[in-house]
């Protein structure tokens, strides 16, 4: 039978065995060297396959004017070349940067994957019209948000509905709303007419209050190259007859939805009335007006020259000659 003293001696003897001492020494050495080993290990967050660059972000196809250097623009805008996959907010940061770009309306999802890759699901802003102002040509989306004019070639500008006779100037840079309800209403009307614009031979959307002045102003496409060089420098449009004013300076525009006239290439004018979203009781809806206009063209064959075609009546379309010597039909 072992006494407590002999049992203690036995434990110490086992501890001081060469194998045990070797394991203890190895463990102590490992603990001592651990900081050095950790410093020598490669940092995964610095490896390229763990860092997402803007060019490694997969974006859905967008409008034809969408700039091809969008990734470079995002890098310039953020000042960040890449993001680590170990960053818990990497997807959030990518979504935030994209949401600030003028061409992006909404970011729905950002997915990160290894090796470094990001897949984005988003909605782009689609251009619906070009606003002509003395200061230049302003592309806008359906909600009146400005799009970068430098992304539009002169040849592509002609393919979009034109909006003329706008008194106000944009209140911000690309990616912000114009700030004038008349422009926003005109943009909604342009979006409605976009699919039928060329087929119907439409030329420009103009607020009824400025239609007479706008009728005497040529569009950008009607100004010759030599005239453009003489009159403007860079990407600008022809002057209109009115000086720019701030939105809301016109009581009629502030208190009542604007009514619009649509110019045609053949020389007639369509009295459209209020834009989609501004419909009033007693006036046909925008969809009803468009249906009437399409039926009119299918039955008559063309919109003709020198006519005022009124779509605002509840039961019928009226057509009458425009008043001689004036740019718009006389109101009855």
C-alpha atoms as a PDB file:
ATOM      1  CA  UNK A   1       0.000   0.000   0.000  1.00  0.00           C
ATOM      2  CA  UNK A   2       1.375   3.418  -1.119  1.00  0.00           C
ATOM      3  CA  UNK A   3       1.634   6.217   1.385  1.00  0.00           C
ATOM      4  CA  UNK A   4       0.828   9.821   0.410  1.00  0.00           C
ATOM      5  CA  UNK A   5       4.541  10.604   0.311  1.00  0.00           C
ATOM      6  CA  UNK A   6       5.364   7.731  -2.018  1.00  0.00           C
ATOM      7  CA  UNK A   7       2.396   8.645  -4.258  1.00  0.00           C
ATOM      8  CA  UNK A   8       3.689  12.239  -4.601  1.00  0.00           C
ATOM      9  CA  UNK A   9       7.156  11.024  -5.469  1.00  0.00           C
ATOM     10  CA  UNK A  10       5.626   8.802  -8.178  1.00  0.00           C
ATOM     11  CA  UNK A  11       3.838  11.776  -9.796  1.00  0.00           C
ATOM     12  CA  UNK A  12       7.019  13.845  -9.904  1.00  0.00           C
ATOM     13  CA  UNK A  13       8.913  10.922 -11.361  1.00  0.00           C
ATOM     14  CA  UNK A  14       6.349  10.651 -14.164  1.00  0.00           C
ATOM     15  CA  UNK A  15       6.532  14.410 -14.835  1.00  0.00           C
ATOM     16  CA  UNK A  16      10.297  14.323 -15.149  1.00  0.00           C
ATOM     17  CA  UNK A  17      10.361  11.547 -17.673  1.00  0.00           C
ATOM     18  CA  UNK A  18      12.159  12.577 -20.895  1.00  0.00           C
ATOM     19  CA  UNK A  19       9.050  12.184 -23.060  1.00  0.00           C
ATOM     20  CA  UNK A  20       6.951  14.395 -20.782  1.00  0.00           C
ATOM     21  CA  UNK A  21       9.688  17.003 -20.506  1.00  0.00           C
ATOM     22  CA  UNK A  22      10.040  17.054 -24.294  1.00  0.00           C
ATOM     23  CA  UNK A  23       6.320  17.646 -24.791  1.00  0.00           C
ATOM     24  CA  UNK A  24       6.292  20.410 -22.166  1.00  0.00           C
ATOM     25  CA  UNK A  25       9.324  22.086 -23.714  1.00  0.00           C
ATOM     26  CA  UNK A  26       7.790  21.881 -27.172  1.00  0.00           C
ATOM     27  CA  UNK A  27       4.526  23.380 -25.924  1.00  0.00           C
ATOM     28  CA  UNK A  28       6.303  26.268 -24.183  1.00  0.00           C
ATOM     29  CA  UNK A  29       8.339  26.947 -27.314  1.00  0.00           C
ATOM     30  CA  UNK A  30       5.194  26.944 -29.438  1.00  0.00           C
ATOM     31  CA  UNK A  31       3.508  29.442 -27.119  1.00  0.00           C
ATOM     32  CA  UNK A  32       6.590  31.654 -27.171  1.00  0.00           C
ATOM     33  CA  UNK A  33       6.879  31.535 -30.973  1.00  0.00           C
ATOM     34  CA  UNK A  34       3.158  31.939 -31.698  1.00  0.00           C
ATOM     35  CA  UNK A  35       3.234  35.762 -32.142  1.00  0.00           C
ATOM     36  CA  UNK A  36       6.157  35.459 -34.550  1.00  0.00           C
ATOM     37  CA  UNK A  37       4.438  32.722 -36.548  1.00  0.00           C
ATOM     38  CA  UNK A  38       1.223  34.732 -36.744  1.00  0.00           C
ATOM     39  CA  UNK A  39       3.136  37.692 -38.156  1.00  0.00           C
ATOM     40  CA  UNK A  40       4.709  35.469 -40.794  1.00  0.00           C
ATOM     41  CA  UNK A  41       1.377  33.950 -41.901  1.00  0.00           C
ATOM     42  CA  UNK A  42      -0.084  35.480 -45.106  1.00  0.00           C
ATOM     43  CA  UNK A  43      -2.891  38.023 -44.468  1.00  0.00           C
ATOM     44  CA  UNK A  44      -5.863  36.748 -46.432  1.00  0.00           C
ATOM     45  CA  UNK A  45      -7.584  40.114 -46.494  1.00  0.00           C
ATOM     46  CA  UNK A  46      -4.709  41.515 -48.569  1.00  0.00           C
ATOM     47  CA  UNK A  47      -4.785  38.779 -51.208  1.00  0.00           C
ATOM     48  CA  UNK A  48      -6.356  39.762 -54.520  1.00  0.00           C
ATOM     49  CA  UNK A  49      -8.776  36.829 -54.513  1.00  0.00           C
ATOM     50  CA  UNK A  50     -10.206  38.150 -51.237  1.00  0.00           C
ATOM     51  CA  UNK A  51     -10.559  41.764 -52.407  1.00  0.00           C
ATOM     52  CA  UNK A  52     -13.325  42.912 -54.764  1.00  0.00           C
ATOM     53  CA  UNK A  53     -12.434  45.681 -57.188  1.00  0.00           C
ATOM     54  CA  UNK A  54     -15.105  47.749 -58.925  1.00  0.00           C
ATOM     55  CA  UNK A  55     -14.315  46.061 -62.240  1.00  0.00           C
ATOM     56  CA  UNK A  56     -15.118  42.678 -60.620  1.00  0.00           C
ATOM     57  CA  UNK A  57     -18.701  43.718 -59.906  1.00  0.00           C
ATOM     58  CA  UNK A  58     -21.170  42.108 -62.312  1.00  0.00           C
ATOM     59  CA  UNK A  59     -23.853  44.619 -63.293  1.00  0.00           C
ATOM     60  CA  UNK A  60     -26.966  43.921 -65.370  1.00  0.00           C
ATOM     61  CA  UNK A  61     -27.128  45.427 -68.870  1.00  0.00           C
ATOM     62  CA  UNK A  62     -28.577  48.923 -68.930  1.00  0.00           C
ATOM     63  CA  UNK A  63     -29.617  51.702 -71.324  1.00  0.00           C
ATOM     64  CA  UNK A  64     -27.478  52.162 -74.425  1.00  0.00           C
ATOM     65  CA  UNK A  65     -26.116  55.446 -73.041  1.00  0.00           C
ATOM     66  CA  UNK A  66     -24.862  53.822 -69.824  1.00  0.00           C
ATOM     67  CA  UNK A  67     -21.136  54.694 -69.631  1.00  0.00           C
ATOM     68  CA  UNK A  68     -18.743  51.797 -70.164  1.00  0.00           C
ATOM     69  CA  UNK A  69     -16.402  53.251 -67.536  1.00  0.00           C
ATOM     70  CA  UNK A  70     -18.995  52.993 -64.767  1.00  0.00           C
ATOM     71  CA  UNK A  71     -16.619  50.946 -62.526  1.00  0.00           C
ATOM     72  CA  UNK A  72     -13.943  53.621 -62.854  1.00  0.00           C
ATOM     73  CA  UNK A  73     -16.512  56.294 -61.994  1.00  0.00           C
ATOM     74  CA  UNK A  74     -17.472  54.391 -58.844  1.00  0.00           C
ATOM     75  CA  UNK A  75     -13.827  54.112 -57.809  1.00  0.00           C
ATOM     76  CA  UNK A  76     -13.292  57.814 -58.400  1.00  0.00           C
ATOM     77  CA  UNK A  77     -16.475  58.684 -56.524  1.00  0.00           C
ATOM     78  CA  UNK A  78     -15.623  56.590 -53.446  1.00  0.00           C
ATOM     79  CA  UNK A  79     -11.840  56.932 -53.439  1.00  0.00           C
ATOM     80  CA  UNK A  80     -11.601  53.184 -52.692  1.00  0.00           C
ATOM     81  CA  UNK A  81      -9.892  50.763 -55.085  1.00  0.00           C
ATOM     82  CA  UNK A  82     -11.207  47.516 -53.571  1.00  0.00           C
ATOM     83  CA  UNK A  83     -13.147  46.039 -50.664  1.00  0.00           C
ATOM     84  CA  UNK A  84     -12.247  43.006 -48.537  1.00  0.00           C
ATOM     85  CA  UNK A  85     -14.532  39.988 -48.466  1.00  0.00           C
ATOM     86  CA  UNK A  86     -13.854  39.920 -44.714  1.00  0.00           C
ATOM     87  CA  UNK A  87     -15.471  43.345 -44.353  1.00  0.00           C
ATOM     88  CA  UNK A  88     -18.946  42.663 -42.946  1.00  0.00           C
ATOM     89  CA  UNK A  89     -20.217  45.874 -44.565  1.00  0.00           C
ATOM     90  CA  UNK A  90     -18.662  45.295 -48.000  1.00  0.00           C
ATOM     91  CA  UNK A  91     -22.002  44.527 -49.691  1.00  0.00           C
ATOM     92  CA  UNK A  92     -23.599  47.532 -47.990  1.00  0.00           C
ATOM     93  CA  UNK A  93     -20.780  49.804 -49.169  1.00  0.00           C
ATOM     94  CA  UNK A  94     -21.109  48.587 -52.753  1.00  0.00           C
ATOM     95  CA  UNK A  95     -24.880  49.147 -52.671  1.00  0.00           C
ATOM     96  CA  UNK A  96     -24.420  52.637 -51.235  1.00  0.00           C
ATOM     97  CA  UNK A  97     -21.900  53.653 -53.912  1.00  0.00           C
ATOM     98  CA  UNK A  98     -24.122  52.370 -56.721  1.00  0.00           C
ATOM     99  CA  UNK A  99     -27.203  54.111 -55.306  1.00  0.00           C
ATOM    100  CA  UNK A 100     -25.368  57.446 -55.519  1.00  0.00           C
ATOM    101  CA  UNK A 101     -24.682  57.101 -59.242  1.00  0.00           C
ATOM    102  CA  UNK A 102     -27.024  59.173 -61.474  1.00  0.00           C
ATOM    103  CA  UNK A 103     -27.870  56.192 -63.684  1.00  0.00           C
ATOM    104  CA  UNK A 104     -29.001  53.957 -60.801  1.00  0.00           C
ATOM    105  CA  UNK A 105     -32.578  54.248 -59.590  1.00  0.00           C
ATOM    106  CA  UNK A 106     -32.559  51.436 -57.016  1.00  0.00           C
ATOM    107  CA  UNK A 107     -30.191  48.720 -55.760  1.00  0.00           C
ATOM    108  CA  UNK A 108     -32.065  45.526 -54.932  1.00  0.00           C
ATOM    109  CA  UNK A 109     -29.323  43.073 -53.970  1.00  0.00           C
ATOM    110  CA  UNK A 110     -25.532  42.664 -53.708  1.00  0.00           C
ATOM    111  CA  UNK A 111     -24.026  39.167 -53.434  1.00  0.00           C
ATOM    112  CA  UNK A 112     -20.359  38.521 -52.635  1.00  0.00           C
ATOM    113  CA  UNK A 113     -18.513  35.340 -53.603  1.00  0.00           C
ATOM    114  CA  UNK A 114     -15.034  33.787 -53.535  1.00  0.00           C
ATOM    115  CA  UNK A 115     -12.790  34.263 -55.411  1.00  0.00           C
ATOM    116  CA  UNK A 116     -13.361  38.014 -55.318  1.00  0.00           C
ATOM    117  CA  UNK A 117     -16.623  38.725 -57.113  1.00  0.00           C
ATOM    118  CA  UNK A 118     -19.830  40.682 -56.554  1.00  0.00           C
ATOM    119  CA  UNK A 119     -23.130  40.227 -58.362  1.00  0.00           C
ATOM    120  CA  UNK A 120     -25.581  43.117 -58.251  1.00  0.00           C
ATOM    121  CA  UNK A 121     -29.284  43.251 -58.999  1.00  0.00           C
ATOM    122  CA  UNK A 122     -30.488  46.813 -59.584  1.00  0.00           C
ATOM    123  CA  UNK A 123     -32.807  49.051 -61.575  1.00  0.00           C
ATOM    124  CA  UNK A 124     -31.380  51.692 -63.892  1.00  0.00           C
ATOM    125  CA  UNK A 125     -32.955  55.009 -64.722  1.00  0.00           C
ATOM    126  CA  UNK A 126     -34.211  54.982 -68.296  1.00  0.00           C
ATOM    127  CA  UNK A 127     -34.053  58.211 -70.320  1.00  0.00           C
ATOM    128  CA  UNK A 128     -37.478  59.246 -71.595  1.00  0.00           C
ATOM    129  CA  UNK A 129     -36.958  62.755 -72.978  1.00  0.00           C
ATOM    130  CA  UNK A 130     -34.559  65.624 -73.664  1.00  0.00           C
ATOM    131  CA  UNK A 131     -35.365  69.048 -72.220  1.00  0.00           C
ATOM    132  CA  UNK A 132     -34.157  71.881 -74.448  1.00  0.00           C
ATOM    133  CA  UNK A 133     -32.891  74.947 -72.575  1.00  0.00           C
ATOM    134  CA  UNK A 134     -30.650  77.887 -73.526  1.00  0.00           C
ATOM    135  CA  UNK A 135     -27.957  76.433 -71.261  1.00  0.00           C
ATOM    136  CA  UNK A 136     -27.964  73.042 -72.960  1.00  0.00           C
ATOM    137  CA  UNK A 137     -29.754  69.781 -73.574  1.00  0.00           C
ATOM    138  CA  UNK A 138     -30.884  67.960 -70.436  1.00  0.00           C
ATOM    139  CA  UNK A 139     -31.758  64.236 -70.578  1.00  0.00           C
ATOM    140  CA  UNK A 140     -34.285  63.208 -67.927  1.00  0.00           C
ATOM    141  CA  UNK A 141     -35.813  59.996 -66.598  1.00  0.00           C
ATOM    142  CA  UNK A 142     -39.538  59.312 -66.159  1.00  0.00           C
ATOM    143  CA  UNK A 143     -39.579  60.967 -62.719  1.00  0.00           C
ATOM    144  CA  UNK A 144     -37.844  64.153 -63.849  1.00  0.00           C
ATOM    145  CA  UNK A 145     -34.409  63.120 -62.552  1.00  0.00           C
ATOM    146  CA  UNK A 146     -31.507  64.554 -64.535  1.00  0.00           C
ATOM    147  CA  UNK A 147     -29.192  62.151 -66.348  1.00  0.00           C
ATOM    148  CA  UNK A 148     -25.559  62.917 -67.292  1.00  0.00           C
ATOM    149  CA  UNK A 149     -25.654  64.874 -70.569  1.00  0.00           C
ATOM    150  CA  UNK A 150     -22.065  63.897 -71.382  1.00  0.00           C
ATOM    151  CA  UNK A 151     -23.179  60.276 -71.818  1.00  0.00           C
ATOM    152  CA  UNK A 152     -25.452  61.190 -74.744  1.00  0.00           C
ATOM    153  CA  UNK A 153     -24.205  61.617 -78.282  1.00  0.00           C
ATOM    154  CA  UNK A 154     -25.815  64.244 -80.479  1.00  0.00           C
ATOM    155  CA  UNK A 155     -27.133  61.527 -82.782  1.00  0.00           C
ATOM    156  CA  UNK A 156     -28.881  59.699 -79.929  1.00  0.00           C
ATOM    157  CA  UNK A 157     -30.488  62.897 -78.627  1.00  0.00           C
ATOM    158  CA  UNK A 158     -32.672  63.051 -81.734  1.00  0.00           C
ATOM    159  CA  UNK A 159     -34.218  59.666 -80.954  1.00  0.00           C
ATOM    160  CA  UNK A 160     -35.891  60.852 -77.740  1.00  0.00           C
ATOM    161  CA  UNK A 161     -39.001  62.996 -77.274  1.00  0.00           C
ATOM    162  CA  UNK A 162     -38.108  66.658 -76.971  1.00  0.00           C
ATOM    163  CA  UNK A 163     -39.548  68.911 -74.257  1.00  0.00           C
ATOM    164  CA  UNK A 164     -39.524  72.622 -75.079  1.00  0.00           C
ATOM    165  CA  UNK A 165     -40.829  75.841 -73.599  1.00  0.00           C
ATOM    166  CA  UNK A 166     -39.583  75.141 -70.068  1.00  0.00           C
ATOM    167  CA  UNK A 167     -38.912  78.333 -68.098  1.00  0.00           C
ATOM    168  CA  UNK A 168     -37.053  76.824 -65.146  1.00  0.00           C
ATOM    169  CA  UNK A 169     -33.467  75.619 -64.887  1.00  0.00           C
ATOM    170  CA  UNK A 170     -32.362  72.418 -63.107  1.00  0.00           C
ATOM    171  CA  UNK A 171     -31.973  72.854 -59.371  1.00  0.00           C
ATOM    172  CA  UNK A 172     -29.167  70.302 -59.005  1.00  0.00           C
ATOM    173  CA  UNK A 173     -26.664  68.039 -60.720  1.00  0.00           C
ATOM    174  CA  UNK A 174     -27.237  64.766 -62.558  1.00  0.00           C
ATOM    175  CA  UNK A 175     -29.018  62.278 -60.330  1.00  0.00           C
ATOM    176  CA  UNK A 176     -31.303  64.903 -58.754  1.00  0.00           C
ATOM    177  CA  UNK A 177     -34.870  65.878 -59.612  1.00  0.00           C
ATOM    178  CA  UNK A 178     -35.257  68.912 -61.884  1.00  0.00           C
ATOM    179  CA  UNK A 179     -37.412  70.609 -59.271  1.00  0.00           C
ATOM    180  CA  UNK A 180     -40.223  71.833 -61.532  1.00  0.00           C
ATOM    181  CA  UNK A 181     -43.587  69.993 -61.534  1.00  0.00           C
ATOM    182  CA  UNK A 182     -44.114  70.999 -65.175  1.00  0.00           C
ATOM    183  CA  UNK A 183     -40.958  69.121 -66.187  1.00  0.00           C
ATOM    184  CA  UNK A 184     -41.977  66.102 -64.123  1.00  0.00           C
ATOM    185  CA  UNK A 185     -45.428  66.043 -65.750  1.00  0.00           C
ATOM    186  CA  UNK A 186     -43.878  66.384 -69.220  1.00  0.00           C
ATOM    187  CA  UNK A 187     -41.532  63.480 -68.427  1.00  0.00           C
ATOM    188  CA  UNK A 188     -44.479  61.234 -67.535  1.00  0.00           C
ATOM    189  CA  UNK A 189     -46.186  62.189 -70.790  1.00  0.00           C
ATOM    190  CA  UNK A 190     -43.002  61.453 -72.751  1.00  0.00           C
ATOM    191  CA  UNK A 191     -42.770  58.020 -71.123  1.00  0.00           C
ATOM    192  CA  UNK A 192     -46.351  57.253 -72.153  1.00  0.00           C
ATOM    193  CA  UNK A 193     -45.748  58.324 -75.763  1.00  0.00           C
ATOM    194  CA  UNK A 194     -42.256  56.846 -76.177  1.00  0.00           C
ATOM    195  CA  UNK A 195     -43.329  53.610 -77.888  1.00  0.00           C
ATOM    196  CA  UNK A 196     -45.502  55.488 -80.433  1.00  0.00           C
ATOM    197  CA  UNK A 197     -43.412  58.646 -80.758  1.00  0.00           C
ATOM    198  CA  UNK A 198     -41.679  57.941 -84.057  1.00  0.00           C
ATOM    199  CA  UNK A 199     -44.573  56.098 -85.670  1.00  0.00           C
ATOM    200  CA  UNK A 200     -46.966  58.975 -84.977  1.00  0.00           C
ATOM    201  CA  UNK A 201     -44.490  61.553 -86.236  1.00  0.00           C
ATOM    202  CA  UNK A 202     -44.378  63.480 -82.966  1.00  0.00           C
ATOM    203  CA  UNK A 203     -41.784  66.203 -82.506  1.00  0.00           C
ATOM    204  CA  UNK A 204     -41.934  67.971 -79.131  1.00  0.00           C
ATOM    205  CA  UNK A 205     -43.942  68.265 -75.914  1.00  0.00           C
ATOM    206  CA  UNK A 206     -44.611  71.863 -74.885  1.00  0.00           C
ATOM    207  CA  UNK A 207     -46.555  73.419 -71.989  1.00  0.00           C
ATOM    208  CA  UNK A 208     -49.661  75.048 -73.454  1.00  0.00           C
ATOM    209  CA  UNK A 209     -48.750  78.368 -71.784  1.00  0.00           C
ATOM    210  CA  UNK A 210     -45.490  78.615 -73.769  1.00  0.00           C
ATOM    211  CA  UNK A 211     -46.459  76.761 -76.945  1.00  0.00           C
ATOM    212  CA  UNK A 212     -46.740  79.910 -79.078  1.00  0.00           C
ATOM    213  CA  UNK A 213     -43.178  81.002 -78.309  1.00  0.00           C
ATOM    214  CA  UNK A 214     -41.766  77.487 -78.620  1.00  0.00           C
ATOM    215  CA  UNK A 215     -43.360  77.064 -82.042  1.00  0.00           C
ATOM    216  CA  UNK A 216     -40.903  79.620 -83.445  1.00  0.00           C
ATOM    217  CA  UNK A 217     -37.782  77.990 -82.001  1.00  0.00           C
ATOM    218  CA  UNK A 218     -35.927  75.331 -83.960  1.00  0.00           C
ATOM    219  CA  UNK A 219     -34.876  72.163 -82.237  1.00  0.00           C
ATOM    220  CA  UNK A 220     -31.264  71.055 -81.850  1.00  0.00           C
ATOM    221  CA  UNK A 221     -31.648  68.687 -84.786  1.00  0.00           C
ATOM    222  CA  UNK A 222     -32.906  71.515 -87.024  1.00  0.00           C
ATOM    223  CA  UNK A 223     -29.871  73.744 -86.419  1.00  0.00           C
ATOM    224  CA  UNK A 224     -27.073  73.234 -88.959  1.00  0.00           C
ATOM    225  CA  UNK A 225     -23.564  72.276 -87.886  1.00  0.00           C
ATOM    226  CA  UNK A 226     -22.179  75.674 -88.875  1.00  0.00           C
ATOM    227  CA  UNK A 227     -24.873  77.438 -86.847  1.00  0.00           C
ATOM    228  CA  UNK A 228     -24.119  75.244 -83.851  1.00  0.00           C
ATOM    229  CA  UNK A 229     -20.449  76.207 -84.023  1.00  0.00           C
ATOM    230  CA  UNK A 230     -21.293  79.891 -84.269  1.00  0.00           C
ATOM    231  CA  UNK A 231     -23.945  79.957 -81.586  1.00  0.00           C
ATOM    232  CA  UNK A 232     -22.771  77.522 -78.951  1.00  0.00           C
ATOM    233  CA  UNK A 233     -19.680  75.958 -77.482  1.00  0.00           C
ATOM    234  CA  UNK A 234     -20.006  72.283 -76.624  1.00  0.00           C
ATOM    235  CA  UNK A 235     -23.155  70.297 -75.970  1.00  0.00           C
ATOM    236  CA  UNK A 236     -25.796  73.039 -75.913  1.00  0.00           C
ATOM    237  CA  UNK A 237     -29.134  73.709 -77.468  1.00  0.00           C
ATOM    238  CA  UNK A 238     -30.838  76.639 -79.198  1.00  0.00           C
ATOM    239  CA  UNK A 239     -32.056  79.632 -77.239  1.00  0.00           C
ATOM    240  CA  UNK A 240     -35.709  80.137 -76.424  1.00  0.00           C
ATOM    241  CA  UNK A 241     -37.514  83.428 -76.159  1.00  0.00           C
ATOM    242  CA  UNK A 242     -37.957  83.488 -72.395  1.00  0.00           C
ATOM    243  CA  UNK A 243     -35.402  84.112 -69.669  1.00  0.00           C
ATOM    244  CA  UNK A 244     -34.963  81.329 -67.102  1.00  0.00           C
ATOM    245  CA  UNK A 245     -36.878  81.671 -63.877  1.00  0.00           C
ATOM    246  CA  UNK A 246     -37.143  79.602 -60.747  1.00  0.00           C
ATOM    247  CA  UNK A 247     -39.752  76.814 -60.595  1.00  0.00           C
ATOM    248  CA  UNK A 248     -42.988  77.871 -58.982  1.00  0.00           C
ATOM    249  CA  UNK A 249     -42.784  81.508 -60.095  1.00  0.00           C
ATOM    250  CA  UNK A 250     -45.850  80.966 -62.248  1.00  0.00           C
ATOM    251  CA  UNK A 251     -49.077  80.742 -60.209  1.00  0.00           C
ATOM    252  CA  UNK A 252     -50.762  78.610 -62.863  1.00  0.00           C
ATOM    253  CA  UNK A 253     -47.950  76.069 -62.678  1.00  0.00           C
ATOM    254  CA  UNK A 254     -47.986  76.063 -58.896  1.00  0.00           C
ATOM    255  CA  UNK A 255     -51.725  75.810 -58.290  1.00  0.00           C
ATOM    256  CA  UNK A 256     -52.903  73.770 -61.284  1.00  0.00           C
ATOM    257  CA  UNK A 257     -51.390  70.873 -63.237  1.00  0.00           C
ATOM    258  CA  UNK A 258     -49.907  71.979 -66.543  1.00  0.00           C
ATOM    259  CA  UNK A 259     -51.580  71.247 -69.855  1.00  0.00           C
ATOM    260  CA  UNK A 260     -49.499  70.278 -72.864  1.00  0.00           C
ATOM    261  CA  UNK A 261     -49.455  70.670 -76.622  1.00  0.00           C
ATOM    262  CA  UNK A 262     -47.589  68.171 -78.798  1.00  0.00           C
ATOM    263  CA  UNK A 263     -45.912  69.411 -81.972  1.00  0.00           C
ATOM    264  CA  UNK A 264     -45.758  67.055 -84.968  1.00  0.00           C
ATOM    265  CA  UNK A 265     -43.221  66.861 -87.786  1.00  0.00           C
ATOM    266  CA  UNK A 266     -45.996  67.433 -90.320  1.00  0.00           C
ATOM    267  CA  UNK A 267     -46.882  70.831 -88.840  1.00  0.00           C
ATOM    268  CA  UNK A 268     -50.003  70.030 -86.831  1.00  0.00           C
ATOM    269  CA  UNK A 269     -50.368  70.361 -83.085  1.00  0.00           C
ATOM    270  CA  UNK A 270     -52.131  68.021 -80.683  1.00  0.00           C
ATOM    271  CA  UNK A 271     -53.904  69.596 -77.739  1.00  0.00           C
ATOM    272  CA  UNK A 272     -53.246  66.854 -75.225  1.00  0.00           C
ATOM    273  CA  UNK A 273     -54.228  68.458 -71.937  1.00  0.00           C
ATOM    274  CA  UNK A 274     -52.932  67.164 -68.622  1.00  0.00           C
ATOM    275  CA  UNK A 275     -50.193  64.565 -68.276  1.00  0.00           C
ATOM    276  CA  UNK A 276     -50.601  61.072 -66.772  1.00  0.00           C
ATOM    277  CA  UNK A 277     -51.055  61.367 -63.034  1.00  0.00           C
ATOM    278  CA  UNK A 278     -52.621  64.824 -63.338  1.00  0.00           C
ATOM    279  CA  UNK A 279     -55.949  63.601 -64.733  1.00  0.00           C
ATOM    280  CA  UNK A 280     -58.999  65.616 -63.733  1.00  0.00           C
ATOM    281  CA  UNK A 281     -62.697  64.635 -63.648  1.00  0.00           C
ATOM    282  CA  UNK A 282     -64.387  65.329 -66.963  1.00  0.00           C
ATOM    283  CA  UNK A 283     -61.225  64.819 -69.009  1.00  0.00           C
ATOM    284  CA  UNK A 284     -60.310  61.509 -70.687  1.00  0.00           C
ATOM    285  CA  UNK A 285     -57.468  59.597 -69.085  1.00  0.00           C
ATOM    286  CA  UNK A 286     -54.022  59.530 -70.663  1.00  0.00           C
ATOM    287  CA  UNK A 287     -54.585  55.955 -71.851  1.00  0.00           C
ATOM    288  CA  UNK A 288     -57.890  56.959 -73.472  1.00  0.00           C
ATOM    289  CA  UNK A 289     -56.238  59.902 -75.241  1.00  0.00           C
ATOM    290  CA  UNK A 290     -53.462  57.722 -76.601  1.00  0.00           C
ATOM    291  CA  UNK A 291     -55.984  55.167 -77.808  1.00  0.00           C
ATOM    292  CA  UNK A 292     -57.967  57.916 -79.557  1.00  0.00           C
ATOM    293  CA  UNK A 293     -54.843  59.288 -81.207  1.00  0.00           C
ATOM    294  CA  UNK A 294     -53.853  55.863 -82.519  1.00  0.00           C
ATOM    295  CA  UNK A 295     -57.355  55.244 -83.866  1.00  0.00           C
ATOM    296  CA  UNK A 296     -57.346  58.687 -85.499  1.00  0.00           C
ATOM    297  CA  UNK A 297     -54.098  57.930 -87.342  1.00  0.00           C
ATOM    298  CA  UNK A 298     -55.248  54.451 -88.363  1.00  0.00           C
ATOM    299  CA  UNK A 299     -58.509  55.856 -89.793  1.00  0.00           C
ATOM    300  CA  UNK A 300     -57.285  59.142 -91.303  1.00  0.00           C
ATOM    301  CA  UNK A 301     -53.820  57.917 -92.234  1.00  0.00           C
ATOM    302  CA  UNK A 302     -51.834  60.902 -90.961  1.00  0.00           C
ATOM    303  CA  UNK A 303     -52.018  63.867 -88.613  1.00  0.00           C
ATOM    304  CA  UNK A 304     -51.859  66.346 -91.487  1.00  0.00           C
ATOM    305  CA  UNK A 305     -50.361  69.828 -91.636  1.00  0.00           C
ATOM    306  CA  UNK A 306     -51.678  72.986 -90.019  1.00  0.00           C
ATOM    307  CA  UNK A 307     -54.343  71.350 -87.866  1.00  0.00           C
ATOM    308  CA  UNK A 308     -55.148  71.637 -84.183  1.00  0.00           C
ATOM    309  CA  UNK A 309     -56.227  68.199 -82.980  1.00  0.00           C
ATOM    310  CA  UNK A 310     -57.947  68.339 -79.600  1.00  0.00           C
ATOM    311  CA  UNK A 311     -58.035  65.133 -77.538  1.00  0.00           C
ATOM    312  CA  UNK A 312     -59.498  66.676 -74.400  1.00  0.00           C
ATOM    313  CA  UNK A 313     -63.196  66.340 -75.222  1.00  0.00           C
ATOM    314  CA  UNK A 314     -64.969  63.513 -73.498  1.00  0.00           C
ATOM    315  CA  UNK A 315     -66.906  62.109 -76.463  1.00  0.00           C
ATOM    316  CA  UNK A 316     -64.945  63.022 -79.591  1.00  0.00           C
ATOM    317  CA  UNK A 317     -61.768  64.339 -81.190  1.00  0.00           C
ATOM    318  CA  UNK A 318     -62.013  67.778 -82.755  1.00  0.00           C
ATOM    319  CA  UNK A 319     -59.835  68.987 -85.624  1.00  0.00           C
ATOM    320  CA  UNK A 320     -59.681  72.561 -86.881  1.00  0.00           C
ATOM    321  CA  UNK A 321     -57.210  74.704 -88.827  1.00  0.00           C
ATOM    322  CA  UNK A 322     -54.697  76.571 -86.702  1.00  0.00           C
ATOM    323  CA  UNK A 323     -55.109  80.332 -86.589  1.00  0.00           C
ATOM    324  CA  UNK A 324     -53.129  81.920 -89.406  1.00  0.00           C
ATOM    325  CA  UNK A 325     -49.962  83.676 -88.328  1.00  0.00           C
ATOM    326  CA  UNK A 326     -49.879  82.082 -84.904  1.00  0.00           C
ATOM    327  CA  UNK A 327     -47.936  79.105 -83.629  1.00  0.00           C
ATOM    328  CA  UNK A 328     -50.772  77.531 -81.685  1.00  0.00           C
ATOM    329  CA  UNK A 329     -54.469  77.094 -82.261  1.00  0.00           C
ATOM    330  CA  UNK A 330     -56.785  79.666 -80.823  1.00  0.00           C
ATOM    331  CA  UNK A 331     -58.662  78.508 -77.722  1.00  0.00           C
ATOM    332  CA  UNK A 332     -62.411  78.200 -78.068  1.00  0.00           C
END
